[in-house]
PDB file of N, CA and C in Angstrom:
ATOM      1  N   UNK A   1     -24.733   2.562   0.592  1.00  0.00           N
ATOM      2  CA  UNK A   1     -23.771   2.796  -0.480  1.00  0.00           C
ATOM      3  C   UNK A   1     -22.390   2.332  -0.022  1.00  0.00           C
ATOM      4  N   UNK A   2     -21.691   1.566  -0.841  1.00  0.00           N
ATOM      5  CA  UNK A   2     -20.381   1.062  -0.454  1.00  0.00           C
ATOM      6  C   UNK A   2     -19.286   2.097  -0.743  1.00  0.00           C
ATOM      7  N   UNK A   3     -18.213   1.987   0.017  1.00  0.00           N
ATOM      8  CA  UNK A   3     -17.084   2.903  -0.142  1.00  0.00           C
ATOM      9  C   UNK A   3     -16.271   2.522  -1.365  1.00  0.00           C
ATOM     10  N   UNK A   4     -15.627   3.527  -1.983  1.00  0.00           N
ATOM     11  CA  UNK A   4     -14.710   3.223  -3.079  1.00  0.00           C
ATOM     12  C   UNK A   4     -13.502   2.502  -2.493  1.00  0.00           C
ATOM     13  N   UNK A   5     -12.752   1.833  -3.324  1.00  0.00           N
ATOM     14  CA  UNK A   5     -11.601   1.054  -2.846  1.00  0.00           C
ATOM     15  C   UNK A   5     -10.617   1.926  -2.074  1.00  0.00           C
ATOM     16  N   UNK A   6     -10.386   3.152  -2.526  1.00  0.00           N
ATOM     17  CA  UNK A   6      -9.440   4.041  -1.855  1.00  0.00           C
ATOM     18  C   UNK A   6      -9.874   4.459  -0.466  1.00  0.00           C
ATOM     19  N   UNK A   7     -11.181   4.507  -0.239  1.00  0.00           N
ATOM     20  CA  UNK A   7     -11.704   4.911   1.065  1.00  0.00           C
ATOM     21  C   UNK A   7     -11.733   3.760   2.059  1.00  0.00           C
ATOM     22  N   UNK A   8     -11.555   2.538   1.578  1.00  0.00           N
ATOM     23  CA  UNK A   8     -11.619   1.377   2.459  1.00  0.00           C
ATOM     24  C   UNK A   8     -10.373   1.277   3.334  1.00  0.00           C
ATOM     25  N   UNK A   9     -10.549   0.653   4.467  1.00  0.00           N
ATOM     26  CA  UNK A   9      -9.473   0.487   5.439  1.00  0.00           C
ATOM     27  C   UNK A   9      -8.374  -0.427   4.899  1.00  0.00           C
ATOM     28  N   UNK A  10      -7.136  -0.181   5.340  1.00  0.00           N
ATOM     29  CA  UNK A  10      -6.025  -1.056   4.969  1.00  0.00           C
ATOM     30  C   UNK A  10      -6.259  -2.476   5.491  1.00  0.00           C
ATOM     31  N   UNK A  11      -7.153  -2.621   6.456  1.00  0.00           N
ATOM     32  CA  UNK A  11      -7.483  -3.945   6.992  1.00  0.00           C
ATOM     33  C   UNK A  11      -8.129  -4.845   5.949  1.00  0.00           C
ATOM     34  N   UNK A  12      -8.650  -4.270   4.882  1.00  0.00           N
ATOM     35  CA  UNK A  12      -9.281  -5.041   3.804  1.00  0.00           C
ATOM     36  C   UNK A  12      -8.243  -5.757   2.929  1.00  0.00           C
ATOM     37  N   UNK A  13      -6.978  -5.323   3.005  1.00  0.00           N
ATOM     38  CA  UNK A  13      -5.922  -5.925   2.197  1.00  0.00           C
ATOM     39  C   UNK A  13      -5.479  -7.250   2.804  1.00  0.00           C
ATOM     40  N   UNK A  14      -4.962  -8.130   1.963  1.00  0.00           N
ATOM     41  CA  UNK A  14      -4.475  -9.428   2.422  1.00  0.00           C
ATOM     42  C   UNK A  14      -3.015  -9.293   2.858  1.00  0.00           C
ATOM     43  N   UNK A  15      -2.824  -8.638   4.008  1.00  0.00           N
ATOM     44  CA  UNK A  15      -1.480  -8.422   4.556  1.00  0.00           C
ATOM     45  C   UNK A  15      -1.492  -8.782   6.039  1.00  0.00           C
ATOM     46  N   UNK A  16      -0.306  -8.912   6.609  1.00  0.00           N
ATOM     47  CA  UNK A  16      -0.193  -9.344   7.998  1.00  0.00           C
ATOM     48  C   UNK A  16      -0.745  -8.306   8.976  1.00  0.00           C
ATOM     49  N   UNK A  17      -1.172  -8.793  10.124  1.00  0.00           N
ATOM     50  CA  UNK A  17      -1.659  -7.896  11.178  1.00  0.00           C
ATOM     51  C   UNK A  17      -0.563  -6.953  11.644  1.00  0.00           C
ATOM     52  N   UNK A  18       0.668  -7.447  11.657  1.00  0.00           N
ATOM     53  CA  UNK A  18       1.810  -6.611  12.056  1.00  0.00           C
ATOM     54  C   UNK A  18       1.957  -5.417  11.108  1.00  0.00           C
ATOM     55  N   UNK A  19       1.836  -5.665   9.820  1.00  0.00           N
ATOM     56  CA  UNK A  19       1.934  -4.580   8.823  1.00  0.00           C
ATOM     57  C   UNK A  19       0.779  -3.599   8.992  1.00  0.00           C
ATOM     58  N   UNK A  20      -0.423  -4.124   9.222  1.00  0.00           N
ATOM     59  CA  UNK A  20      -1.586  -3.256   9.421  1.00  0.00           C
ATOM     60  C   UNK A  20      -1.378  -2.358  10.636  1.00  0.00           C
ATOM     61  N   UNK A  21      -0.882  -2.917  11.720  1.00  0.00           N
ATOM     62  CA  UNK A  21      -0.653  -2.136  12.933  1.00  0.00           C
ATOM     63  C   UNK A  21       0.396  -1.044  12.705  1.00  0.00           C
ATOM     64  N   UNK A  22       1.449  -1.361  11.959  1.00  0.00           N
ATOM     65  CA  UNK A  22       2.476  -0.347  11.668  1.00  0.00           C
ATOM     66  C   UNK A  22       1.920   0.765  10.783  1.00  0.00           C
ATOM     67  N   UNK A  23       1.089   0.397   9.833  1.00  0.00           N
ATOM     68  CA  UNK A  23       0.459   1.407   8.975  1.00  0.00           C
ATOM     69  C   UNK A  23      -0.412   2.331   9.817  1.00  0.00           C
ATOM     70  N   UNK A  24      -1.246   1.759  10.665  1.00  0.00           N
ATOM     71  CA  UNK A  24      -2.135   2.560  11.503  1.00  0.00           C
ATOM     72  C   UNK A  24      -1.353   3.448  12.462  1.00  0.00           C
ATOM     73  N   UNK A  25      -0.281   2.905  13.029  1.00  0.00           N
ATOM     74  CA  UNK A  25       0.561   3.675  13.947  1.00  0.00           C
ATOM     75  C   UNK A  25       1.124   4.914  13.251  1.00  0.00           C
ATOM     76  N   UNK A  26       1.340   4.802  11.958  1.00  0.00           N
ATOM     77  CA  UNK A  26       1.877   5.909  11.164  1.00  0.00           C
ATOM     78  C   UNK A  26       0.783   6.659  10.411  1.00  0.00           C
ATOM     79  N   UNK A  27      -0.450   6.524  10.896  1.00  0.00           N
ATOM     80  CA  UNK A  27      -1.609   7.249  10.379  1.00  0.00           C
ATOM     81  C   UNK A  27      -1.916   6.976   8.909  1.00  0.00           C
ATOM     82  N   UNK A  28      -1.632   5.750   8.486  1.00  0.00           N
ATOM     83  CA  UNK A  28      -2.021   5.291   7.156  1.00  0.00           C
ATOM     84  C   UNK A  28      -3.217   4.375   7.392  1.00  0.00           C
ATOM     85  N   UNK A  29      -4.407   4.955   7.275  1.00  0.00           N
ATOM     86  CA  UNK A  29      -5.632   4.277   7.676  1.00  0.00           C
ATOM     87  C   UNK A  29      -6.370   3.654   6.490  1.00  0.00           C
ATOM     88  N   UNK A  30      -6.414   4.373   5.372  1.00  0.00           N
ATOM     89  CA  UNK A  30      -7.158   3.839   4.229  1.00  0.00           C
ATOM     90  C   UNK A  30      -6.234   3.552   3.046  1.00  0.00           C
ATOM     91  N   UNK A  31      -6.779   2.874   2.074  1.00  0.00           N
ATOM     92  CA  UNK A  31      -5.982   2.394   0.941  1.00  0.00           C
ATOM     93  C   UNK A  31      -5.432   3.544   0.100  1.00  0.00           C
ATOM     94  N   UNK A  32      -6.188   4.631  -0.037  1.00  0.00           N
ATOM     95  CA  UNK A  32      -5.674   5.766  -0.825  1.00  0.00           C
ATOM     96  C   UNK A  32      -4.441   6.386  -0.164  1.00  0.00           C
ATOM     97  N   UNK A  33      -4.423   6.436   1.167  1.00  0.00           N
ATOM     98  CA  UNK A  33      -3.238   6.940   1.873  1.00  0.00           C
ATOM     99  C   UNK A  33      -2.047   6.017   1.634  1.00  0.00           C
ATOM    100  N   UNK A  34      -2.298   4.725   1.600  1.00  0.00           N
ATOM    101  CA  UNK A  34      -1.236   3.750   1.363  1.00  0.00           C
ATOM    102  C   UNK A  34      -0.658   3.900  -0.045  1.00  0.00           C
ATOM    103  N   UNK A  35      -1.520   4.158  -1.023  1.00  0.00           N
ATOM    104  CA  UNK A  35      -1.068   4.301  -2.412  1.00  0.00           C
ATOM    105  C   UNK A  35      -0.187   5.536  -2.615  1.00  0.00           C
ATOM    106  N   UNK A  36      -0.232   6.468  -1.679  1.00  0.00           N
ATOM    107  CA  UNK A  36       0.603   7.664  -1.749  1.00  0.00           C
ATOM    108  C   UNK A  36       2.019   7.407  -1.244  1.00  0.00           C
ATOM    109  N   UNK A  37       2.262   6.216  -0.730  1.00  0.00           N
ATOM    110  CA  UNK A  37       3.575   5.861  -0.177  1.00  0.00           C
ATOM    111  C   UNK A  37       4.366   5.030  -1.171  1.00  0.00           C
ATOM    112  N   UNK A  38       5.695   5.114  -1.053  1.00  0.00           N
ATOM    113  CA  UNK A  38       6.588   4.304  -1.881  1.00  0.00           C
ATOM    114  C   UNK A  38       7.121   3.145  -1.038  1.00  0.00           C
ATOM    115  N   UNK A  39       7.775   2.205  -1.686  1.00  0.00           N
ATOM    116  CA  UNK A  39       8.407   1.094  -0.964  1.00  0.00           C
ATOM    117  C   UNK A  39       9.381   1.629   0.075  1.00  0.00           C
ATOM    118  N   UNK A  40      10.170   2.615  -0.313  1.00  0.00           N
ATOM    119  CA  UNK A  40      11.176   3.192   0.587  1.00  0.00           C
ATOM    120  C   UNK A  40      10.512   3.796   1.816  1.00  0.00           C
ATOM    121  N   UNK A  41       9.420   4.520   1.614  1.00  0.00           N
ATOM    122  CA  UNK A  41       8.712   5.127   2.746  1.00  0.00           C
ATOM    123  C   UNK A  41       8.159   4.056   3.683  1.00  0.00           C
ATOM    124  N   UNK A  42       7.650   2.968   3.132  1.00  0.00           N
ATOM    125  CA  UNK A  42       7.130   1.888   3.965  1.00  0.00           C
ATOM    126  C   UNK A  42       8.256   1.224   4.760  1.00  0.00           C
ATOM    127  N   UNK A  43       9.399   1.034   4.136  1.00  0.00           N
ATOM    128  CA  UNK A  43      10.544   0.446   4.840  1.00  0.00           C
ATOM    129  C   UNK A  43      11.013   1.359   5.968  1.00  0.00           C
ATOM    130  N   UNK A  44      10.973   2.676   5.741  1.00  0.00           N
ATOM    131  CA  UNK A  44      11.405   3.636   6.765  1.00  0.00           C
ATOM    132  C   UNK A  44      10.531   3.605   8.010  1.00  0.00           C
ATOM    133  N   UNK A  45       9.256   3.215   7.866  1.00  0.00           N
ATOM    134  CA  UNK A  45       8.389   3.153   9.044  1.00  0.00           C
ATOM    135  C   UNK A  45       8.428   1.770   9.690  1.00  0.00           C
ATOM    136  N   UNK A  46       9.307   0.914   9.198  1.00  0.00           N
ATOM    137  CA  UNK A  46       9.529  -0.370   9.848  1.00  0.00           C
ATOM    138  C   UNK A  46       8.796  -1.554   9.257  1.00  0.00           C
ATOM    139  N   UNK A  47       8.276  -1.400   8.068  1.00  0.00           N
ATOM    140  CA  UNK A  47       7.614  -2.528   7.413  1.00  0.00           C
ATOM    141  C   UNK A  47       8.664  -3.311   6.638  1.00  0.00           C
ATOM    142  N   UNK A  48       8.736  -4.603   6.896  1.00  0.00           N
ATOM    143  CA  UNK A  48       9.751  -5.463   6.288  1.00  0.00           C
ATOM    144  C   UNK A  48       9.514  -5.721   4.806  1.00  0.00           C
ATOM    145  N   UNK A  49      10.543  -6.249   4.161  1.00  0.00           N
ATOM    146  CA  UNK A  49      10.490  -6.506   2.718  1.00  0.00           C
ATOM    147  C   UNK A  49       9.348  -7.441   2.334  1.00  0.00           C
ATOM    148  N   UNK A  50       9.141  -8.475   3.124  1.00  0.00           N
ATOM    149  CA  UNK A  50       8.070  -9.437   2.823  1.00  0.00           C
ATOM    150  C   UNK A  50       6.700  -8.754   2.886  1.00  0.00           C
ATOM    151  N   UNK A  51       6.492  -7.942   3.923  1.00  0.00           N
ATOM    152  CA  UNK A  51       5.223  -7.232   4.049  1.00  0.00           C
ATOM    153  C   UNK A  51       5.053  -6.194   2.941  1.00  0.00           C
ATOM    154  N   UNK A  52       6.130  -5.520   2.560  1.00  0.00           N
ATOM    155  CA  UNK A  52       6.053  -4.553   1.455  1.00  0.00           C
ATOM    156  C   UNK A  52       5.635  -5.280   0.178  1.00  0.00           C
ATOM    157  N   UNK A  53       6.210  -6.449  -0.057  1.00  0.00           N
ATOM    158  CA  UNK A  53       5.855  -7.245  -1.231  1.00  0.00           C
ATOM    159  C   UNK A  53       4.377  -7.643  -1.188  1.00  0.00           C
ATOM    160  N   UNK A  54       3.917  -8.079  -0.013  1.00  0.00           N
ATOM    161  CA  UNK A  54       2.514  -8.471   0.137  1.00  0.00           C
ATOM    162  C   UNK A  54       1.570  -7.281  -0.060  1.00  0.00           C
ATOM    163  N   UNK A  55       1.956  -6.116   0.446  1.00  0.00           N
ATOM    164  CA  UNK A  55       1.161  -4.892   0.261  1.00  0.00           C
ATOM    165  C   UNK A  55       1.067  -4.572  -1.224  1.00  0.00           C
ATOM    166  N   UNK A  56       2.197  -4.612  -1.900  1.00  0.00           N
ATOM    167  CA  UNK A  56       2.244  -4.305  -3.328  1.00  0.00           C
ATOM    168  C   UNK A  56       1.358  -5.272  -4.120  1.00  0.00           C
ATOM    169  N   UNK A  57       1.446  -6.557  -3.819  1.00  0.00           N
ATOM    170  CA  UNK A  57       0.634  -7.551  -4.528  1.00  0.00           C
ATOM    171  C   UNK A  57      -0.854  -7.348  -4.247  1.00  0.00           C
ATOM    172  N   UNK A  58      -1.188  -7.061  -3.013  1.00  0.00           N
ATOM    173  CA  UNK A  58      -2.586  -6.837  -2.637  1.00  0.00           C
ATOM    174  C   UNK A  58      -3.158  -5.618  -3.368  1.00  0.00           C
ATOM    175  N   UNK A  59      -2.371  -4.557  -3.445  1.00  0.00           N
ATOM    176  CA  UNK A  59      -2.805  -3.357  -4.161  1.00  0.00           C
ATOM    177  C   UNK A  59      -2.976  -3.650  -5.652  1.00  0.00           C
ATOM    178  N   UNK A  60      -2.041  -4.385  -6.221  1.00  0.00           N
ATOM    179  CA  UNK A  60      -2.107  -4.690  -7.652  1.00  0.00           C
ATOM    180  C   UNK A  60      -3.331  -5.532  -7.987  1.00  0.00           C
ATOM    181  N   UNK A  61      -3.737  -6.420  -7.083  1.00  0.00           N
ATOM    182  CA  UNK A  61      -4.951  -7.205  -7.301  1.00  0.00           C
ATOM    183  C   UNK A  61      -6.183  -6.311  -7.384  1.00  0.00           C
ATOM    184  N   UNK A  62      -6.109  -5.146  -6.734  1.00  0.00           N
ATOM    185  CA  UNK A  62      -7.211  -4.184  -6.760  1.00  0.00           C
ATOM    186  C   UNK A  62      -7.028  -3.148  -7.875  1.00  0.00           C
ATOM    187  N   UNK A  63      -5.992  -3.316  -8.703  1.00  0.00           N
ATOM    188  CA  UNK A  63      -5.738  -2.379  -9.798  1.00  0.00           C
ATOM    189  C   UNK A  63      -5.007  -1.125  -9.355  1.00  0.00           C
ATOM    190  N   UNK A  64      -4.346  -1.186  -8.190  1.00  0.00           N
ATOM    191  CA  UNK A  64      -3.633  -0.040  -7.624  1.00  0.00           C
ATOM    192  C   UNK A  64      -2.158  -0.381  -7.465  1.00  0.00           C
ATOM    193  N   UNK A  65      -1.386   0.596  -7.016  1.00  0.00           N
ATOM    194  CA  UNK A  65       0.039   0.354  -6.780  1.00  0.00           C
ATOM    195  C   UNK A  65       0.578   1.397  -5.814  1.00  0.00           C
ATOM    196  N   UNK A  66       1.786   1.170  -5.365  1.00  0.00           N
ATOM    197  CA  UNK A  66       2.474   2.153  -4.529  1.00  0.00           C
ATOM    198  C   UNK A  66       2.950   3.307  -5.399  1.00  0.00           C
ATOM    199  N   UNK A  67       3.200   4.453  -4.777  1.00  0.00           N
ATOM    200  CA  UNK A  67       3.503   5.698  -5.496  1.00  0.00           C
ATOM    201  C   UNK A  67       4.623   5.560  -6.525  1.00  0.00           C
ATOM    202  N   UNK A  68       5.822   5.306  -6.117  1.00  0.00           N
ATOM    203  CA  UNK A  68       6.952   5.301  -7.046  1.00  0.00           C
ATOM    204  C   UNK A  68       6.904   4.146  -8.028  1.00  0.00           C
ATOM    205  N   UNK A  69       6.341   3.030  -7.596  1.00  0.00           N
ATOM    206  CA  UNK A  69       6.268   1.880  -8.491  1.00  0.00           C
ATOM    207  C   UNK A  69       5.414   2.199  -9.710  1.00  0.00           C
ATOM    208  N   UNK A  70       4.299   2.862  -9.507  1.00  0.00           N
ATOM    209  CA  UNK A  70       3.417   3.215 -10.621  1.00  0.00           C
ATOM    210  C   UNK A  70       4.121   4.206 -11.538  1.00  0.00           C
ATOM    211  N   UNK A  71       4.821   5.201 -10.959  1.00  0.00           N
ATOM    212  CA  UNK A  71       5.529   6.203 -11.763  1.00  0.00           C
ATOM    213  C   UNK A  71       6.635   5.527 -12.578  1.00  0.00           C
ATOM    214  N   UNK A  72       7.381   4.616 -11.957  1.00  0.00           N
ATOM    215  CA  UNK A  72       8.451   3.920 -12.665  1.00  0.00           C
ATOM    216  C   UNK A  72       7.895   3.063 -13.787  1.00  0.00           C
ATOM    217  N   UNK A  73       6.760   2.420 -13.558  1.00  0.00           N
ATOM    218  CA  UNK A  73       6.127   1.592 -14.565  1.00  0.00           C
ATOM    219  C   UNK A  73       5.730   2.441 -15.773  1.00  0.00           C
ATOM    220  N   UNK A  74       5.162   3.606 -15.515  1.00  0.00           N
ATOM    221  CA  UNK A  74       4.741   4.483 -16.612  1.00  0.00           C
ATOM    222  C   UNK A  74       5.932   4.984 -17.399  1.00  0.00           C
ATOM    223  N   UNK A  75       7.027   5.256 -16.730  1.00  0.00           N
ATOM    224  CA  UNK A  75       8.246   5.704 -17.415  1.00  0.00           C
ATOM    225  C   UNK A  75       8.795   4.582 -18.296  1.00  0.00           C
ATOM    226  N   UNK A  76       8.791   3.343 -17.792  1.00  0.00           N
ATOM    227  CA  UNK A  76       9.307   2.214 -18.562  1.00  0.00           C
ATOM    228  C   UNK A  76       8.444   1.918 -19.784  1.00  0.00           C
ATOM    229  N   UNK A  77       7.151   2.198 -19.715  1.00  0.00           N
ATOM    230  CA  UNK A  77       6.250   1.930 -20.824  1.00  0.00           C
ATOM    231  C   UNK A  77       6.519   2.827 -22.016  1.00  0.00           C
ATOM    232  N   UNK A  78       7.048   4.023 -21.788  1.00  0.00           N
ATOM    233  CA  UNK A  78       7.237   5.007 -22.871  1.00  0.00           C
ATOM    234  C   UNK A  78       8.342   4.602 -23.814  1.00  0.00           C
TER     235      UNK A  78
END
């Protein structure tokens, strides 16, 4: 049985090895944990703007998003 997208490792995303290592160092191991973070939180742990953009795009390709971005999108839709 295959894992749901949220249970899969962040290594499955199309992002740099440097970003993956920083995520793991900060105990962000799977995609669902990553989706609980905002852009600001990712920047605070040392992930650069380019990597944050790549993370966001990779998540969106899977139908997911970062925490605050999804909330802001829903607010703008109303």
